[in-house]
Every structure is written in C-alpha cells, then in structure tokens.
Amino acid sequence: MLRVAASLSALALVAACATPDATTVDGAVIHPHADVDTLPASYLDGSSGFTGVIVYGDKGYTGLVGDIYYPSIKVDDQPVGKCEKRRAMVIPLPPGAHVVSAHSENNVVHNVTLEEGQIAYFRCNFLRIGGILFPPAVLAPAAAETAHDVVNGG
C-alpha cells in the first residue's frame, strides 16, 4: 500500500512538471495565431486565400494525463503554444521560408517554404515511450485531408 502511494505521488509530481510551454515564460512574444476546433472547407479547396501553417494535435490516446505531454510549438523561433488533442493552431505567415519546430526533451525541426495561398500542415503528438522526464515530441508533415478529418472529428 505504501509503495502504491509513493508511486502515485511520484507520478503526480512528474505530471505537475509537464512539458514546458514557452508561451508562459515571462516576456515571451507569442506568434499570432488562432486555436480552432474546426478547420473550414475553404482551406481544403484553396478558396480561402490563407497562407500559413496549421499544426494539429493527433487523435491518439492521451490516457489519464490528458494533453499535458503534447509538445510546445514554435514558428520562426517564436512560441505559438502547446498542441492539444484534435485542435489546430492556425498560424498566418507571409510567403517565404519558415521554420516550424516542436519542443519537449527533444526538438523536431521542419523547414517549409510557402507560396502565396499555400498551407503546410503538421501533425503534432508525443511518443508513448522514451524520454527521461517528458515523452519525445512528434511533428510530422501531414496531408490536408487527414488534418481536416482529425480536427473536424471525422
């Protein structure tokens, strides 16, 4: 019984120290973006005129810990926020070269070059195994249709 209590206490302490969110650091300049629960169809058919990056949290299992282990996202080295399950961060960007990165115990970095009206999609998640304090970050290019299906609850 004592071992179970000690194990639960240790788990609670680790959960309390969940993956750091760079947006909560004093003086952090947060990249402008919108957190959304639904992606509009105009992003799929190209009629929106939107140029930028969409980072969405996968629909994978999060168990008892919820979203706390999802990695923090930065665009062009500016904090955006933490991924959340089945939600998207819509980040408007000018055409040109940009860097999208996920941060946990590891850093995953992708370079992307956008043309006017182009949208780059990235799936964000964490590995269930590995890491010392936090699960390793996952950030992978994704198909637009997959992103819309996951975020819009398909």
C-alpha atoms as a PDB file:
ATOM      1  CA  MET A   1       0.000   0.000   0.000  1.00  0.00           C
ATOM      2  CA  LEU A   2       2.830   2.370   0.884  1.00  0.00           C
ATOM      3  CA  ARG A   3       4.571   1.604  -2.431  1.00  0.00           C
ATOM      4  CA  VAL A   4       1.390   2.393  -4.353  1.00  0.00           C
ATOM      5  CA  ALA A   5       1.025   5.734  -2.556  1.00  0.00           C
ATOM      6  CA  ALA A   6       4.665   6.585  -3.221  1.00  0.00           C
ATOM      7  CA  SER A   7       4.287   5.655  -6.891  1.00  0.00           C
ATOM      8  CA  LEU A   8       1.168   7.796  -7.239  1.00  0.00           C
ATOM      9  CA  SER A   9       2.912  10.714  -5.542  1.00  0.00           C
ATOM     10  CA  ALA A  10       5.871  10.417  -7.912  1.00  0.00           C
ATOM     11  CA  LEU A  11       3.519  10.286 -10.908  1.00  0.00           C
ATOM     12  CA  ALA A  12       1.698  13.402  -9.681  1.00  0.00           C
ATOM     13  CA  LEU A  13       4.996  15.270  -9.307  1.00  0.00           C
ATOM     14  CA  VAL A  14       6.099  14.352 -12.831  1.00  0.00           C
ATOM     15  CA  ALA A  15       2.689  15.350 -14.236  1.00  0.00           C
ATOM     16  CA  ALA A  16       2.902  18.688 -12.419  1.00  0.00           C
ATOM     17  CA  CYS A  17       6.169  19.310 -14.227  1.00  0.00           C
ATOM     18  CA  ALA A  18       4.621  18.626 -17.634  1.00  0.00           C
ATOM     19  CA  THR A  19       6.364  19.627 -20.828  1.00  0.00           C
ATOM     20  CA  PRO A  20       7.239  23.316 -20.501  1.00  0.00           C
ATOM     21  CA  ASP A  21       5.194  25.763 -22.564  1.00  0.00           C
ATOM     22  CA  ALA A  22       7.402  28.541 -23.967  1.00  0.00           C
ATOM     23  CA  THR A  23       4.396  30.891 -24.113  1.00  0.00           C
ATOM     24  CA  THR A  24       4.252  31.003 -20.311  1.00  0.00           C
ATOM     25  CA  VAL A  25       7.782  32.359 -19.879  1.00  0.00           C
ATOM     26  CA  ASP A  26       7.840  35.952 -18.640  1.00  0.00           C
ATOM     27  CA  GLY A  27       8.327  38.334 -21.567  1.00  0.00           C
ATOM     28  CA  ALA A  28       7.574  35.706 -24.228  1.00  0.00           C
ATOM     29  CA  VAL A  29       6.418  37.202 -27.512  1.00  0.00           C
ATOM     30  CA  ILE A  30       3.781  34.814 -28.810  1.00  0.00           C
ATOM     31  CA  HIS A  31       3.415  34.351 -32.561  1.00  0.00           C
ATOM     32  CA  PRO A  32      -0.059  35.496 -33.719  1.00  0.00           C
ATOM     33  CA  HIS A  33      -2.341  32.523 -34.363  1.00  0.00           C
ATOM     34  CA  ALA A  34      -5.823  31.141 -33.764  1.00  0.00           C
ATOM     35  CA  ASP A  35      -6.660  27.974 -31.803  1.00  0.00           C
ATOM     36  CA  VAL A  36      -9.592  26.276 -33.512  1.00  0.00           C
ATOM     37  CA  ASP A  37     -11.797  23.202 -33.092  1.00  0.00           C
ATOM     38  CA  THR A  38     -12.908  23.159 -36.747  1.00  0.00           C
ATOM     39  CA  LEU A  39     -10.980  23.799 -39.955  1.00  0.00           C
ATOM     40  CA  PRO A  40     -13.023  25.466 -42.724  1.00  0.00           C
ATOM     41  CA  ALA A  41     -13.531  23.664 -46.041  1.00  0.00           C
ATOM     42  CA  SER A  42     -12.144  26.730 -47.841  1.00  0.00           C
ATOM     43  CA  TYR A  43      -8.677  25.703 -46.619  1.00  0.00           C
ATOM     44  CA  LEU A  44      -9.043  22.391 -48.466  1.00  0.00           C
ATOM     45  CA  ASP A  45     -10.302  23.763 -51.767  1.00  0.00           C
ATOM     46  CA  GLY A  46      -7.852  26.683 -51.785  1.00  0.00           C
ATOM     47  CA  SER A  47     -10.518  29.387 -51.884  1.00  0.00           C
ATOM     48  CA  SER A  48      -9.613  30.914 -48.501  1.00  0.00           C
ATOM     49  CA  GLY A  49      -6.601  32.894 -49.716  1.00  0.00           C
ATOM     50  CA  PHE A  50      -4.902  31.916 -46.438  1.00  0.00           C
ATOM     51  CA  THR A  51      -1.130  31.466 -46.405  1.00  0.00           C
ATOM     52  CA  GLY A  52       0.471  29.796 -43.414  1.00  0.00           C
ATOM     53  CA  VAL A  53       0.942  26.720 -41.287  1.00  0.00           C
ATOM     54  CA  ILE A  54      -1.603  24.580 -39.468  1.00  0.00           C
ATOM     55  CA  VAL A  55      -0.318  22.426 -36.605  1.00  0.00           C
ATOM     56  CA  TYR A  56      -2.866  19.994 -35.196  1.00  0.00           C
ATOM     57  CA  GLY A  57      -2.880  17.577 -32.287  1.00  0.00           C
ATOM     58  CA  ASP A  58      -3.396  13.981 -33.298  1.00  0.00           C
ATOM     59  CA  LYS A  59      -6.427  11.974 -32.192  1.00  0.00           C
ATOM     60  CA  GLY A  60      -4.229   9.467 -30.363  1.00  0.00           C
ATOM     61  CA  TYR A  61      -4.615   8.151 -26.846  1.00  0.00           C
ATOM     62  CA  THR A  62      -3.681  10.553 -24.048  1.00  0.00           C
ATOM     63  CA  GLY A  63      -4.877   8.460 -21.104  1.00  0.00           C
ATOM     64  CA  LEU A  64      -5.068   9.879 -17.603  1.00  0.00           C
ATOM     65  CA  VAL A  65      -2.558  12.650 -18.268  1.00  0.00           C
ATOM     66  CA  GLY A  66      -4.628  14.397 -20.962  1.00  0.00           C
ATOM     67  CA  ASP A  67      -2.806  16.896 -23.184  1.00  0.00           C
ATOM     68  CA  ILE A  68      -0.042  17.820 -20.743  1.00  0.00           C
ATOM     69  CA  TYR A  69       2.649  15.915 -22.623  1.00  0.00           C
ATOM     70  CA  TYR A  70       1.944  17.403 -26.032  1.00  0.00           C
ATOM     71  CA  PRO A  71       4.992  19.404 -27.166  1.00  0.00           C
ATOM     72  CA  SER A  72       5.320  23.172 -27.402  1.00  0.00           C
ATOM     73  CA  ILE A  73       5.359  24.608 -30.908  1.00  0.00           C
ATOM     74  CA  LYS A  74       7.444  27.470 -32.262  1.00  0.00           C
ATOM     75  CA  VAL A  75       7.383  29.126 -35.661  1.00  0.00           C
ATOM     76  CA  ASP A  76      10.466  31.061 -36.720  1.00  0.00           C
ATOM     77  CA  ASP A  77      11.727  30.620 -33.138  1.00  0.00           C
ATOM     78  CA  GLN A  78       8.663  32.407 -31.698  1.00  0.00           C
ATOM     79  CA  PRO A  79       6.442  30.443 -29.282  1.00  0.00           C
ATOM     80  CA  VAL A  80       2.949  29.598 -30.522  1.00  0.00           C
ATOM     81  CA  GLY A  81       1.604  27.240 -27.835  1.00  0.00           C
ATOM     82  CA  LYS A  82       1.167  23.601 -26.918  1.00  0.00           C
ATOM     83  CA  CYS A  83      -0.577  21.130 -29.165  1.00  0.00           C
ATOM     84  CA  GLU A  84      -3.932  19.851 -27.990  1.00  0.00           C
ATOM     85  CA  LYS A  85      -5.713  16.661 -28.989  1.00  0.00           C
ATOM     86  CA  ARG A  86      -7.927  17.202 -32.102  1.00  0.00           C
ATOM     87  CA  ARG A  87      -7.377  21.007 -32.064  1.00  0.00           C
ATOM     88  CA  ALA A  88      -5.432  23.105 -34.517  1.00  0.00           C
ATOM     89  CA  MET A  89      -3.227  26.163 -34.333  1.00  0.00           C
ATOM     90  CA  VAL A  90      -3.749  28.255 -37.481  1.00  0.00           C
ATOM     91  CA  ILE A  91      -0.649  30.388 -37.981  1.00  0.00           C
ATOM     92  CA  PRO A  92      -0.721  33.033 -40.735  1.00  0.00           C
ATOM     93  CA  LEU A  93       2.657  33.625 -42.366  1.00  0.00           C
ATOM     94  CA  PRO A  94       3.932  35.622 -45.294  1.00  0.00           C
ATOM     95  CA  PRO A  95       5.177  33.716 -48.339  1.00  0.00           C
ATOM     96  CA  GLY A  96       8.787  32.583 -47.993  1.00  0.00           C
ATOM     97  CA  ALA A  97      10.952  30.320 -45.869  1.00  0.00           C
ATOM     98  CA  HIS A  98       9.914  29.452 -42.305  1.00  0.00           C
ATOM     99  CA  VAL A  99      10.926  27.043 -39.534  1.00  0.00           C
ATOM    100  CA  VAL A 100       8.302  25.047 -37.612  1.00  0.00           C
ATOM    101  CA  SER A 101       9.509  23.199 -34.517  1.00  0.00           C
ATOM    102  CA  ALA A 102       8.211  21.071 -31.651  1.00  0.00           C
ATOM    103  CA  HIS A 103       9.941  21.077 -28.275  1.00  0.00           C
ATOM    104  CA  SER A 104       9.955  18.514 -25.471  1.00  0.00           C
ATOM    105  CA  GLU A 105      13.009  16.583 -24.290  1.00  0.00           C
ATOM    106  CA  ASN A 106      13.914  16.612 -27.954  1.00  0.00           C
ATOM    107  CA  ASN A 107      13.420  19.186 -30.703  1.00  0.00           C
ATOM    108  CA  VAL A 108      11.875  18.340 -34.060  1.00  0.00           C
ATOM    109  CA  VAL A 109      12.509  20.965 -36.744  1.00  0.00           C
ATOM    110  CA  HIS A 110      10.995  21.333 -40.219  1.00  0.00           C
ATOM    111  CA  ASN A 111      11.835  23.945 -42.816  1.00  0.00           C
ATOM    112  CA  VAL A 112       8.950  24.978 -45.023  1.00  0.00           C
ATOM    113  CA  THR A 113       8.756  27.396 -47.947  1.00  0.00           C
ATOM    114  CA  LEU A 114       5.309  28.825 -48.595  1.00  0.00           C
ATOM    115  CA  GLU A 115       3.952  30.392 -51.749  1.00  0.00           C
ATOM    116  CA  GLU A 116       1.026  32.832 -51.684  1.00  0.00           C
ATOM    117  CA  GLY A 117      -2.145  30.911 -50.747  1.00  0.00           C
ATOM    118  CA  GLN A 118      -0.254  27.757 -49.700  1.00  0.00           C
ATOM    119  CA  ILE A 119      -0.935  25.947 -46.418  1.00  0.00           C
ATOM    120  CA  ALA A 120       1.508  23.499 -44.806  1.00  0.00           C
ATOM    121  CA  TYR A 121       0.006  21.005 -42.343  1.00  0.00           C
ATOM    122  CA  PHE A 122       1.851  19.323 -39.463  1.00  0.00           C
ATOM    123  CA  ARG A 123       0.664  16.557 -37.133  1.00  0.00           C
ATOM    124  CA  CYS A 124       1.768  17.023 -33.536  1.00  0.00           C
ATOM    125  CA  ASN A 125       1.905  14.292 -30.913  1.00  0.00           C
ATOM    126  CA  PHE A 126       4.269  12.611 -28.462  1.00  0.00           C
ATOM    127  CA  LEU A 127       5.831   9.166 -28.274  1.00  0.00           C
ATOM    128  CA  ARG A 128       4.369   6.942 -25.561  1.00  0.00           C
ATOM    129  CA  ILE A 129       7.784   5.510 -24.739  1.00  0.00           C
ATOM    130  CA  GLY A 130      11.195   7.099 -24.371  1.00  0.00           C
ATOM    131  CA  GLY A 131      12.353  10.289 -22.783  1.00  0.00           C
ATOM    132  CA  ILE A 132      13.544  10.798 -19.237  1.00  0.00           C
ATOM    133  CA  LEU A 133      11.097  13.357 -17.814  1.00  0.00           C
ATOM    134  CA  PHE A 134       8.883  14.028 -20.839  1.00  0.00           C
ATOM    135  CA  PRO A 135       7.843  11.916 -23.814  1.00  0.00           C
ATOM    136  CA  PRO A 136       9.670  12.813 -27.038  1.00  0.00           C
ATOM    137  CA  ALA A 137       7.919  15.224 -29.389  1.00  0.00           C
ATOM    138  CA  VAL A 138       6.498  14.221 -32.750  1.00  0.00           C
ATOM    139  CA  LEU A 139       5.987  16.788 -35.513  1.00  0.00           C
ATOM    140  CA  ALA A 140       5.406  15.413 -38.991  1.00  0.00           C
ATOM    141  CA  PRO A 141       4.172  16.860 -42.286  1.00  0.00           C
ATOM    142  CA  ALA A 142       0.580  15.788 -42.919  1.00  0.00           C
ATOM    143  CA  ALA A 143      -1.950  15.695 -45.722  1.00  0.00           C
ATOM    144  CA  ALA A 144      -4.603  18.423 -45.647  1.00  0.00           C
ATOM    145  CA  GLU A 145      -7.410  15.852 -45.825  1.00  0.00           C
ATOM    146  CA  THR A 146      -6.041  13.984 -42.797  1.00  0.00           C
ATOM    147  CA  ALA A 147      -5.750  17.198 -40.769  1.00  0.00           C
ATOM    148  CA  HIS A 148      -9.319  18.212 -41.569  1.00  0.00           C
ATOM    149  CA  ASP A 149     -10.600  14.722 -40.733  1.00  0.00           C
ATOM    150  CA  VAL A 150      -8.839  14.652 -37.345  1.00  0.00           C
ATOM    151  CA  VAL A 151      -9.665  18.216 -36.266  1.00  0.00           C
ATOM    152  CA  ASN A 152     -13.244  18.192 -37.564  1.00  0.00           C
ATOM    153  CA  GLY A 153     -13.964  14.920 -35.762  1.00  0.00           C
ATOM    154  CA  GLY A 154     -14.150  12.609 -38.763  1.00  0.00           C
END
